[in-house]
C-alpha atoms as a PDB file:
ATOM      1  CA  MET A   1      -2.068  24.771   1.473  1.00  0.00           C
ATOM      2  CA  LEU A   2       1.341  24.964   2.199  1.00  0.00           C
ATOM      3  CA  ILE A   3       4.313  23.320   0.308  1.00  0.00           C
ATOM      4  CA  VAL A   4       7.433  22.125   1.439  1.00  0.00           C
ATOM      5  CA  ARG A   5      10.595  20.959  -0.090  1.00  0.00           C
ATOM      6  CA  LYS A   6      13.219  20.600   1.842  1.00  0.00           C
ATOM      7  CA  ILE A   7      13.366  18.129   5.062  1.00  0.00           C
ATOM      8  CA  ARG A   8      14.768  20.394   7.817  1.00  0.00           C
ATOM      9  CA  GLU A   9      11.401  22.758   7.154  1.00  0.00           C
ATOM     10  CA  MET A  10       9.295  19.524   7.311  1.00  0.00           C
ATOM     11  CA  GLN A  11      10.638  18.824  10.866  1.00  0.00           C
ATOM     12  CA  SER A  12      10.488  21.923  12.145  1.00  0.00           C
ATOM     13  CA  ILE A  13       6.974  22.491  11.464  1.00  0.00           C
ATOM     14  CA  ALA A  14       6.041  19.172  12.367  1.00  0.00           C
ATOM     15  CA  GLU A  15       7.931  19.719  15.881  1.00  0.00           C
ATOM     16  CA  THR A  16       5.710  22.852  16.253  1.00  0.00           C
ATOM     17  CA  VAL A  17       2.079  21.160  15.217  1.00  0.00           C
ATOM     18  CA  ARG A  18       3.119  18.241  17.186  1.00  0.00           C
ATOM     19  CA  LYS A  19       3.029  20.443  20.527  1.00  0.00           C
ATOM     20  CA  ASP A  20      -0.829  20.976  20.897  1.00  0.00           C
ATOM     21  CA  LYS A  21      -2.330  19.401  17.240  1.00  0.00           C
ATOM     22  CA  ILE A  22      -2.647  15.188  15.832  1.00  0.00           C
ATOM     23  CA  ILE A  23      -0.552  14.816  12.529  1.00  0.00           C
ATOM     24  CA  GLY A  24      -2.166  12.110   9.925  1.00  0.00           C
ATOM     25  CA  PHE A  25      -0.137  11.372   7.370  1.00  0.00           C
ATOM     26  CA  VAL A  26      -0.797  10.042   4.025  1.00  0.00           C
ATOM     27  CA  PRO A  27       2.839   9.082   1.999  1.00  0.00           C
ATOM     28  CA  THR A  28       2.513   8.749  -1.527  1.00  0.00           C
ATOM     29  CA  MET A  29       4.394   8.507  -5.165  1.00  0.00           C
ATOM     30  CA  GLY A  30       1.804  11.204  -6.333  1.00  0.00           C
ATOM     31  CA  PHE A  31      -0.330  10.550  -9.290  1.00  0.00           C
ATOM     32  CA  LEU A  32      -3.254  10.411  -7.364  1.00  0.00           C
ATOM     33  CA  HIS A  33      -6.545   9.012  -7.167  1.00  0.00           C
ATOM     34  CA  GLU A  34      -9.438   8.735  -5.560  1.00  0.00           C
ATOM     35  CA  GLY A  35      -7.793   5.360  -3.685  1.00  0.00           C
ATOM     36  CA  HIS A  36      -4.919   8.087  -2.310  1.00  0.00           C
ATOM     37  CA  LEU A  37      -7.403  10.880  -1.674  1.00  0.00           C
ATOM     38  CA  SER A  38      -9.771   8.039   0.082  1.00  0.00           C
ATOM     39  CA  LEU A  39      -6.998   8.187   2.529  1.00  0.00           C
ATOM     40  CA  VAL A  40      -6.731  12.045   3.105  1.00  0.00           C
ATOM     41  CA  ARG A  41     -10.228  12.313   3.653  1.00  0.00           C
ATOM     42  CA  LYS A  42      -9.566   9.608   6.436  1.00  0.00           C
ATOM     43  CA  SER A  43      -6.897  11.634   7.860  1.00  0.00           C
ATOM     44  CA  LYS A  44      -8.797  15.042   7.791  1.00  0.00           C
ATOM     45  CA  GLU A  45     -11.430  12.912   9.704  1.00  0.00           C
ATOM     46  CA  MET A  46      -9.194  11.567  12.487  1.00  0.00           C
ATOM     47  CA  THR A  47      -6.988  14.713  12.845  1.00  0.00           C
ATOM     48  CA  ASP A  48      -6.244  18.125  13.357  1.00  0.00           C
ATOM     49  CA  VAL A  49      -3.038  18.719  10.611  1.00  0.00           C
ATOM     50  CA  THR A  50      -2.892  16.424   7.627  1.00  0.00           C
ATOM     51  CA  VAL A  51       0.660  16.327   5.668  1.00  0.00           C
ATOM     52  CA  VAL A  52       0.850  14.403   2.006  1.00  0.00           C
ATOM     53  CA  SER A  53       3.864  13.769   0.530  1.00  0.00           C
ATOM     54  CA  ILE A  54       4.909  13.325  -2.785  1.00  0.00           C
ATOM     55  CA  PHE A  55       8.270  11.450  -3.394  1.00  0.00           C
ATOM     56  CA  VAL A  56       8.752   8.607  -6.253  1.00  0.00           C
ATOM     57  CA  ASN A  57      11.656   6.438  -4.163  1.00  0.00           C
ATOM     58  CA  PRO A  58      14.042   5.608  -6.277  1.00  0.00           C
ATOM     59  CA  ILE A  59      15.392   2.878  -3.942  1.00  0.00           C
ATOM     60  CA  GLN A  60      12.481   0.948  -4.592  1.00  0.00           C
ATOM     61  CA  PHE A  61      12.132   0.260  -7.820  1.00  0.00           C
ATOM     62  CA  GLY A  62      14.626  -2.427  -9.570  1.00  0.00           C
ATOM     63  CA  PRO A  63      16.858  -2.327 -12.326  1.00  0.00           C
ATOM     64  CA  ASN A  64      14.482  -3.578 -15.007  1.00  0.00           C
ATOM     65  CA  GLU A  65      11.296  -1.225 -13.077  1.00  0.00           C
ATOM     66  CA  ASP A  66       9.695   1.597 -13.984  1.00  0.00           C
ATOM     67  CA  PHE A  67      11.191   3.799 -12.572  1.00  0.00           C
ATOM     68  CA  GLU A  68      11.620   6.586 -15.376  1.00  0.00           C
ATOM     69  CA  MET A  69       8.419   5.732 -17.149  1.00  0.00           C
ATOM     70  CA  TYR A  70       5.905   6.208 -13.248  1.00  0.00           C
ATOM     71  CA  PRO A  71       3.588   8.518 -14.445  1.00  0.00           C
ATOM     72  CA  ARG A  72       4.009  11.809 -12.742  1.00  0.00           C
ATOM     73  CA  ASP A  73       1.828  14.952 -12.671  1.00  0.00           C
ATOM     74  CA  LEU A  74       2.511  17.136  -9.619  1.00  0.00           C
ATOM     75  CA  GLU A  75       0.062  20.136 -11.037  1.00  0.00           C
ATOM     76  CA  ARG A  76      -2.952  17.641 -10.985  1.00  0.00           C
ATOM     77  CA  ASP A  77      -1.988  16.143  -7.963  1.00  0.00           C
ATOM     78  CA  ARG A  78      -1.319  19.752  -6.072  1.00  0.00           C
ATOM     79  CA  SER A  79      -5.166  21.088  -7.146  1.00  0.00           C
ATOM     80  CA  LEU A  80      -6.433  17.586  -6.262  1.00  0.00           C
ATOM     81  CA  LEU A  81      -5.399  17.994  -2.956  1.00  0.00           C
ATOM     82  CA  GLU A  82      -6.195  21.506  -2.185  1.00  0.00           C
ATOM     83  CA  LYS A  83      -9.771  20.417  -3.130  1.00  0.00           C
ATOM     84  CA  GLU A  84      -9.117  18.298  -0.220  1.00  0.00           C
ATOM     85  CA  LYS A  85      -7.784  20.797   2.302  1.00  0.00           C
ATOM     86  CA  VAL A  86      -4.551  19.657   2.778  1.00  0.00           C
ATOM     87  CA  ASP A  87      -2.945  21.231   5.428  1.00  0.00           C
ATOM     88  CA  VAL A  88       0.768  20.652   3.926  1.00  0.00           C
ATOM     89  CA  LEU A  89       2.258  19.156   0.865  1.00  0.00           C
ATOM     90  CA  PHE A  90       6.074  17.778   1.087  1.00  0.00           C
ATOM     91  CA  ILE A  91       7.672  17.268  -1.941  1.00  0.00           C
ATOM     92  CA  PRO A  92      10.946  16.261  -1.836  1.00  0.00           C
ATOM     93  CA  GLU A  93      13.942  15.970  -4.379  1.00  0.00           C
ATOM     94  CA  LYS A  94      15.570  12.737  -4.852  1.00  0.00           C
ATOM     95  CA  ASP A  95      19.097  14.682  -3.365  1.00  0.00           C
ATOM     96  CA  GLU A  96      17.119  16.071  -0.430  1.00  0.00           C
ATOM     97  CA  MET A  97      15.986  12.299   0.880  1.00  0.00           C
ATOM     98  CA  TYR A  98      19.290  10.646  -0.801  1.00  0.00           C
ATOM     99  CA  GLY A  99      22.413  12.125  -0.352  1.00  0.00           C
ATOM    100  CA  GLU A 100      25.642  10.926  -2.507  1.00  0.00           C
ATOM    101  CA  ASP A 101      27.274   9.344   0.757  1.00  0.00           C
ATOM    102  CA  TYR A 102      23.671   7.792   1.641  1.00  0.00           C
ATOM    103  CA  LYS A 103      24.440   3.956   3.255  1.00  0.00           C
ATOM    104  CA  THR A 104      21.343   3.386   5.671  1.00  0.00           C
ATOM    105  CA  TYR A 105      18.966   1.174   5.109  1.00  0.00           C
ATOM    106  CA  VAL A 106      15.770  -1.149   6.612  1.00  0.00           C
ATOM    107  CA  ARG A 107      15.045  -4.547   6.414  1.00  0.00           C
ATOM    108  CA  VAL A 108      12.186  -6.044   7.862  1.00  0.00           C
ATOM    109  CA  GLN A 109      13.625  -9.624   7.432  1.00  0.00           C
ATOM    110  CA  GLU A 110      11.441 -12.865   6.169  1.00  0.00           C
ATOM    111  CA  MET A 111       7.880 -10.946   5.582  1.00  0.00           C
ATOM    112  CA  GLU A 112       9.628  -9.027   2.483  1.00  0.00           C
ATOM    113  CA  ASP A 113      10.512 -12.269   1.202  1.00  0.00           C
ATOM    114  CA  TYR A 114       6.966 -13.538   0.440  1.00  0.00           C
ATOM    115  CA  LEU A 115       4.425 -12.501  -2.572  1.00  0.00           C
ATOM    116  CA  CYS A 116       6.118  -9.850  -4.398  1.00  0.00           C
ATOM    117  CA  GLY A 117       9.308  -9.934  -2.348  1.00  0.00           C
ATOM    118  CA  LYS A 118       9.900 -13.186  -4.253  1.00  0.00           C
ATOM    119  CA  THR A 119      10.487 -11.790  -7.503  1.00  0.00           C
ATOM    120  CA  ARG A 120      11.023  -7.486  -6.419  1.00  0.00           C
ATOM    121  CA  LYS A 121      14.261  -8.389  -4.458  1.00  0.00           C
ATOM    122  CA  GLY A 122      14.994  -5.246  -2.999  1.00  0.00           C
ATOM    123  CA  HIS A 123      11.454  -3.644  -3.096  1.00  0.00           C
ATOM    124  CA  PHE A 124      10.389  -3.736   0.399  1.00  0.00           C
ATOM    125  CA  GLN A 125      13.743  -2.644   1.865  1.00  0.00           C
ATOM    126  CA  GLY A 126      13.681   0.607  -0.416  1.00  0.00           C
ATOM    127  CA  VAL A 127       9.920   0.964   0.512  1.00  0.00           C
ATOM    128  CA  ALA A 128      10.871  -0.024   4.655  1.00  0.00           C
ATOM    129  CA  THR A 129      14.009   2.722   4.223  1.00  0.00           C
ATOM    130  CA  VAL A 130      11.985   5.565   2.562  1.00  0.00           C
ATOM    131  CA  VAL A 131       8.502   5.242   5.308  1.00  0.00           C
ATOM    132  CA  THR A 132      11.001   5.242   8.202  1.00  0.00           C
ATOM    133  CA  LYS A 133      12.689   8.087   7.206  1.00  0.00           C
ATOM    134  CA  LEU A 134       9.392  10.110   5.590  1.00  0.00           C
ATOM    135  CA  PHE A 135       7.935   9.224   9.370  1.00  0.00           C
ATOM    136  CA  ASN A 136      11.509  11.160  10.628  1.00  0.00           C
ATOM    137  CA  ILE A 137      10.734  14.247   8.665  1.00  0.00           C
ATOM    138  CA  VAL A 138       6.596  14.749   8.869  1.00  0.00           C
ATOM    139  CA  LYS A 139       6.771  12.838  12.561  1.00  0.00           C
ATOM    140  CA  PRO A 140       2.907  11.962  12.612  1.00  0.00           C
ATOM    141  CA  HIS A 141       1.204  10.895  14.830  1.00  0.00           C
ATOM    142  CA  LEU A 142      -0.975   8.468  12.794  1.00  0.00           C
ATOM    143  CA  ALA A 143      -0.124   7.371   8.711  1.00  0.00           C
ATOM    144  CA  PHE A 144      -2.854   5.849   6.612  1.00  0.00           C
ATOM    145  CA  PHE A 145      -2.155   2.800   3.943  1.00  0.00           C
ATOM    146  CA  GLY A 146      -4.407   1.456   1.953  1.00  0.00           C
ATOM    147  CA  GLN A 147      -4.996  -2.647   2.069  1.00  0.00           C
ATOM    148  CA  LYS A 148      -4.826  -3.036  -1.630  1.00  0.00           C
ATOM    149  CA  ASP A 149      -0.735  -3.177  -1.008  1.00  0.00           C
ATOM    150  CA  TYR A 150      -1.291  -5.708   1.454  1.00  0.00           C
ATOM    151  CA  GLN A 151       2.081  -7.158   2.110  1.00  0.00           C
ATOM    152  CA  GLN A 152       3.361  -3.404   2.521  1.00  0.00           C
ATOM    153  CA  LEU A 153       0.896  -2.899   4.736  1.00  0.00           C
ATOM    154  CA  LYS A 154       1.663  -5.715   6.932  1.00  0.00           C
ATOM    155  CA  ILE A 155       5.769  -5.074   6.862  1.00  0.00           C
ATOM    156  CA  ILE A 156       5.005  -1.339   7.781  1.00  0.00           C
ATOM    157  CA  GLU A 157       3.081  -2.139  10.923  1.00  0.00           C
ATOM    158  CA  LYS A 158       5.711  -4.839  11.575  1.00  0.00           C
ATOM    159  CA  LEU A 159       8.437  -1.983  11.200  1.00  0.00           C
ATOM    160  CA  VAL A 160       6.625   0.158  13.356  1.00  0.00           C
ATOM    161  CA  ARG A 161       6.306  -2.229  16.394  1.00  0.00           C
ATOM    162  CA  ASP A 162       9.770  -3.642  16.112  1.00  0.00           C
ATOM    163  CA  LEU A 163      11.583  -0.323  16.183  1.00  0.00           C
ATOM    164  CA  ASN A 164       8.910   1.138  18.822  1.00  0.00           C
ATOM    165  CA  MET A 165       7.524   4.283  16.616  1.00  0.00           C
ATOM    166  CA  ASP A 166       5.314   7.099  17.668  1.00  0.00           C
ATOM    167  CA  VAL A 167       2.997   6.237  15.116  1.00  0.00           C
ATOM    168  CA  ASN A 168      -0.231   4.475  14.928  1.00  0.00           C
ATOM    169  CA  ILE A 169      -1.136   2.970  11.316  1.00  0.00           C
ATOM    170  CA  VAL A 170      -4.538   3.302  10.125  1.00  0.00           C
ATOM    171  CA  ALA A 171      -5.367   0.495   7.366  1.00  0.00           C
ATOM    172  CA  CYS A 172      -8.018   1.802   5.260  1.00  0.00           C
ATOM    173  CA  PRO A 173     -10.261  -0.680   2.509  1.00  0.00           C
ATOM    174  CA  THR A 174      -9.424  -1.215  -1.060  1.00  0.00           C
ATOM    175  CA  ILE A 175     -10.958   1.738  -3.386  1.00  0.00           C
ATOM    176  CA  ARG A 176     -12.322   0.112  -6.531  1.00  0.00           C
ATOM    177  CA  GLU A 177     -13.269   1.432 -10.102  1.00  0.00           C
ATOM    178  CA  PRO A 178     -17.173   0.270 -11.088  1.00  0.00           C
ATOM    179  CA  ASP A 179     -15.787  -3.245 -12.568  1.00  0.00           C
ATOM    180  CA  GLY A 180     -13.911  -4.086  -9.804  1.00  0.00           C
ATOM    181  CA  LEU A 181     -10.469  -3.170 -10.435  1.00  0.00           C
ATOM    182  CA  ALA A 182      -8.339  -1.753  -7.807  1.00  0.00           C
ATOM    183  CA  MET A 183      -7.008   1.235  -8.196  1.00  0.00           C
ATOM    184  CA  SER A 184      -3.742   1.977  -9.303  1.00  0.00           C
ATOM    185  CA  SER A 185      -1.556   4.577 -10.489  1.00  0.00           C
ATOM    186  CA  ARG A 186      -0.663   2.310 -13.170  1.00  0.00           C
ATOM    187  CA  ASN A 187      -3.801   1.105 -14.533  1.00  0.00           C
ATOM    188  CA  THR A 188      -3.093   4.633 -16.921  1.00  0.00           C
ATOM    189  CA  TYR A 189      -0.679   2.317 -18.327  1.00  0.00           C
ATOM    190  CA  LEU A 190      -3.562  -0.320 -19.345  1.00  0.00           C
ATOM    191  CA  SER A 191      -4.912  -0.418 -22.938  1.00  0.00           C
ATOM    192  CA  GLN A 192      -8.790  -0.848 -23.049  1.00  0.00           C
ATOM    193  CA  GLU A 193      -8.295  -4.123 -24.455  1.00  0.00           C
ATOM    194  CA  GLU A 194      -5.986  -4.699 -21.585  1.00  0.00           C
ATOM    195  CA  ARG A 195      -8.241  -3.031 -18.618  1.00  0.00           C
ATOM    196  CA  LYS A 196     -11.200  -5.434 -19.905  1.00  0.00           C
ATOM    197  CA  LYS A 197      -8.805  -7.920 -19.056  1.00  0.00           C
ATOM    198  CA  ALA A 198      -7.803  -6.751 -15.735  1.00  0.00           C
ATOM    199  CA  GLN A 199     -11.064  -7.135 -14.651  1.00  0.00           C
ATOM    200  CA  HIS A 200     -10.733 -11.138 -14.018  1.00  0.00           C
ATOM    201  CA  ILE A 201      -8.190 -10.547 -11.562  1.00  0.00           C
ATOM    202  CA  TYR A 202     -10.857  -9.137  -8.909  1.00  0.00           C
ATOM    203  CA  MET A 203     -13.435 -12.195 -10.699  1.00  0.00           C
ATOM    204  CA  ALA A 204     -10.707 -14.505  -9.510  1.00  0.00           C
ATOM    205  CA  LEU A 205     -10.864 -13.053  -5.965  1.00  0.00           C
ATOM    206  CA  ILE A 206     -14.638 -12.994  -5.828  1.00  0.00           C
ATOM    207  CA  LYS A 207     -14.684 -15.966  -6.409  1.00  0.00           C
ATOM    208  CA  ALA A 208     -12.074 -17.711  -4.216  1.00  0.00           C
ATOM    209  CA  GLU A 209     -14.739 -15.727  -1.584  1.00  0.00           C
ATOM    210  CA  GLU A 210     -17.383 -17.744  -2.451  1.00  0.00           C
ATOM    211  CA  LEU A 211     -16.170 -20.660  -2.522  1.00  0.00           C
ATOM    212  CA  PHE A 212     -14.435 -19.515   1.099  1.00  0.00           C
ATOM    213  CA  LYS A 213     -18.062 -19.101   2.520  1.00  0.00           C
ATOM    214  CA  LYS A 214     -19.515 -22.136   1.403  1.00  0.00           C
ATOM    215  CA  GLY A 215     -16.829 -23.927   3.452  1.00  0.00           C
ATOM    216  CA  GLU A 216     -14.085 -24.354   1.732  1.00  0.00           C
ATOM    217  CA  ARG A 217     -10.820 -24.528   3.727  1.00  0.00           C
ATOM    218  CA  ASN A 218      -7.958 -26.250   1.827  1.00  0.00           C
ATOM    219  CA  ALA A 219      -6.026 -23.036   0.612  1.00  0.00           C
ATOM    220  CA  LYS A 220      -4.853 -25.115  -2.739  1.00  0.00           C
ATOM    221  CA  LYS A 221      -8.799 -25.096  -3.879  1.00  0.00           C
ATOM    222  CA  LEU A 222      -8.975 -21.272  -3.526  1.00  0.00           C
ATOM    223  CA  VAL A 223      -5.759 -21.346  -5.315  1.00  0.00           C
ATOM    224  CA  GLU A 224      -6.804 -23.974  -8.404  1.00  0.00           C
ATOM    225  CA  GLU A 225      -9.939 -22.495  -8.900  1.00  0.00           C
ATOM    226  CA  ALA A 226      -8.856 -18.802  -9.008  1.00  0.00           C
ATOM    227  CA  ARG A 227      -6.118 -20.128 -11.955  1.00  0.00           C
ATOM    228  CA  ASN A 228      -8.423 -21.747 -13.539  1.00  0.00           C
ATOM    229  CA  LEU A 229      -9.905 -18.466 -13.904  1.00  0.00           C
ATOM    230  CA  LEU A 230      -7.443 -16.604 -14.519  1.00  0.00           C
ATOM    231  CA  SER A 231      -5.648 -18.976 -17.103  1.00  0.00           C
ATOM    232  CA  SER A 232      -8.021 -18.947 -19.317  1.00  0.00           C
ATOM    233  CA  VAL A 233      -7.386 -14.485 -20.028  1.00  0.00           C
ATOM    234  CA  GLU A 234      -5.241 -14.338 -22.810  1.00  0.00           C
ATOM    235  CA  GLY A 235      -2.725 -12.120 -22.902  1.00  0.00           C
ATOM    236  CA  LEU A 236      -2.554 -12.358 -18.622  1.00  0.00           C
ATOM    237  CA  GLU A 237       0.436 -13.498 -17.182  1.00  0.00           C
ATOM    238  CA  ILE A 238      -0.346 -15.056 -13.583  1.00  0.00           C
ATOM    239  CA  GLU A 239       2.938 -14.049 -11.378  1.00  0.00           C
ATOM    240  CA  TYR A 240       1.679 -15.911  -8.053  1.00  0.00           C
ATOM    241  CA  ILE A 241      -1.547 -16.476  -6.685  1.00  0.00           C
ATOM    242  CA  SER A 242      -1.021 -17.455  -3.033  1.00  0.00           C
ATOM    243  CA  VAL A 243      -3.197 -17.956   0.234  1.00  0.00           C
ATOM    244  CA  VAL A 244      -1.138 -16.346   3.443  1.00  0.00           C
ATOM    245  CA  ASP A 245      -1.881 -15.652   7.006  1.00  0.00           C
ATOM    246  CA  CYS A 246      -2.958 -12.495   7.875  1.00  0.00           C
ATOM    247  CA  GLU A 247      -0.157 -11.028   9.918  1.00  0.00           C
ATOM    248  CA  THR A 248       2.995 -13.081   8.990  1.00  0.00           C
ATOM    249  CA  LEU A 249       2.537 -13.706   5.115  1.00  0.00           C
ATOM    250  CA  GLU A 250       3.577 -17.136   5.706  1.00  0.00           C
ATOM    251  CA  GLU A 251       1.601 -19.335   2.840  1.00  0.00           C
ATOM    252  CA  LEU A 252      -1.030 -21.291   3.973  1.00  0.00           C
ATOM    253  CA  GLU A 253      -2.345 -24.535   3.232  1.00  0.00           C
ATOM    254  CA  TRP A 254      -5.247 -24.838   5.748  1.00  0.00           C
ATOM    255  CA  ILE A 255      -7.748 -21.305   6.709  1.00  0.00           C
ATOM    256  CA  ASN A 256      -8.262 -21.701  10.741  1.00  0.00           C
ATOM    257  CA  ASP A 257     -10.407 -18.809  10.688  1.00  0.00           C
ATOM    258  CA  SER A 258      -8.476 -16.101   8.452  1.00  0.00           C
ATOM    259  CA  GLY A 259      -6.362 -15.871   5.281  1.00  0.00           C
ATOM    260  CA  VAL A 260      -5.538 -13.385   2.661  1.00  0.00           C
ATOM    261  CA  VAL A 261      -5.773 -14.522  -0.965  1.00  0.00           C
ATOM    262  CA  ALA A 262      -3.266 -12.332  -2.614  1.00  0.00           C
ATOM    263  CA  ILE A 263      -2.814 -12.314  -6.903  1.00  0.00           C
ATOM    264  CA  ALA A 264      -0.111 -10.500  -9.006  1.00  0.00           C
ATOM    265  CA  CYS A 265      -0.472 -10.841 -12.938  1.00  0.00           C
ATOM    266  CA  ARG A 266       1.239  -8.992 -15.717  1.00  0.00           C
ATOM    267  CA  ILE A 267      -0.666  -7.722 -18.162  1.00  0.00           C
ATOM    268  CA  GLY A 268       1.244  -6.234 -21.473  1.00  0.00           C
ATOM    269  CA  LYS A 269       3.617  -4.147 -19.784  1.00  0.00           C
ATOM    270  CA  THR A 270       1.906  -3.696 -16.229  1.00  0.00           C
ATOM    271  CA  ARG A 271       1.696  -5.472 -13.405  1.00  0.00           C
ATOM    272  CA  LEU A 272      -0.981  -5.592 -10.937  1.00  0.00           C
ATOM    273  CA  ILE A 273      -1.408  -6.815  -7.824  1.00  0.00           C
ATOM    274  CA  ASP A 274      -4.980  -7.202  -5.884  1.00  0.00           C
ATOM    275  CA  ASN A 275      -6.161  -9.112  -3.099  1.00  0.00           C
ATOM    276  CA  THR A 276      -8.972 -10.172  -0.693  1.00  0.00           C
ATOM    277  CA  ILE A 277      -8.991 -11.154   2.806  1.00  0.00           C
ATOM    278  CA  LEU A 278     -11.171 -14.241   4.394  1.00  0.00           C
ATOM    279  CA  ARG A 279     -12.679 -13.963   7.748  1.00  0.00           C
ATOM    280  CA  ARG A 280     -14.595 -16.939   8.895  1.00  0.00           C
ATOM    281  CA  TYR A 281     -16.177 -14.867  11.506  1.00  0.00           C
ATOM    282  CA  GLU A 282     -17.864 -11.598  10.769  1.00  0.00           C
ATOM    283  CA  HIS A 283     -16.720  -8.937  13.323  1.00  0.00           C
ATOM    284  CA  ASP A 284     -16.242  -5.031  13.484  1.00  0.00           C
ATOM    285  CA  GLU A 285     -13.334  -4.385  11.557  1.00  0.00           C
ATOM    286  CA  SER A 286     -12.781  -0.777  12.859  1.00  0.00           C
ATOM    287  CA  HIS A 287     -11.052  -2.469  15.500  1.00  0.00           C
ATOM    288  CA  ASP A 288      -8.477  -3.281  13.608  1.00  0.00           C
ATOM    289  CA  GLU A 289      -7.924   0.178  12.085  1.00  0.00           C
ATOM    290  CA  ILE A 290      -5.850   1.508  14.264  1.00  0.00           C
ATOM    291  CA  LYS A 291      -2.522  -0.264  15.863  1.00  0.00           C
ATOM    292  CA  ASP A 292       0.083   1.665  18.041  1.00  0.00           C
ATOM    293  CA  SER A 293       3.751   0.620  17.895  1.00  0.00           C
ATOM    294  CA  GLN A 294       3.176  -2.512  20.034  1.00  0.00           C
ATOM    295  CA  GLY A 295       0.108  -3.547  17.962  1.00  0.00           C
ATOM    296  CA  LYS A 296      -2.230  -2.802  20.642  1.00  0.00           C
ATOM    297  CA  GLY A 297      -5.915  -1.598  19.078  1.00  0.00           C
ATOM    298  CA  TYR A 298      -7.521   1.480  19.625  1.00  0.00           C
END
């Protein structure tokens, strides 16, 4: 596995590789878990060369968020990626990505204001900016993102379409622990007791799914049932429970063919998010997997 720390070197490698090979890219903030590794495996399956980046992006953290505390273990991450036979690990330093005179930021308006954006002001501007930079550096043909961070996924898809970026986004399903908890680097913050409480987030999503399958289309009813379940858990603070449009992320009052139930909670000092996609009609999700810069499916 080649380790690259400098932007110019990464760009040079990418330019050479792109001439006759397909580059797959998995951007991460490190402290890897099975969710990240599932993206790596998908890239290995679909492309010739897989690049993984590890960069804890400072501009997507708010002043009172956990940038300094965010879990890091580069040696462990490196070992995991070597076992997966990743071709290139890109680990730039903060000063390499953002110089002293850095002034340029990218925003996807409106979509960044829903869900997590209501309380995490500037977060998705930070995400959109670093992803734009990483795409320009790594020059991937395909980039892999998990559906657990659904708002992030949709913002990046919109970013790629609107800026006509030459990269296809591959959406991959949420990977869960045996108890249903969505895998996240922040799960390590949870105590054993807090971990038991966190399981109720997935239970609330399952409850909403069951009601939808039984014919309930009133979004407020789904939210109410999920809220009732989570409100009974002592020490769990609900930040939001919303049913939103799958593409625009606008809040829905009524679900016609599809929608997304999204939840954000705090347990102790840990903020957790999760979601489930509701679809009225069964279909082959593989057709949704890859989208080009114009949003056309492959």
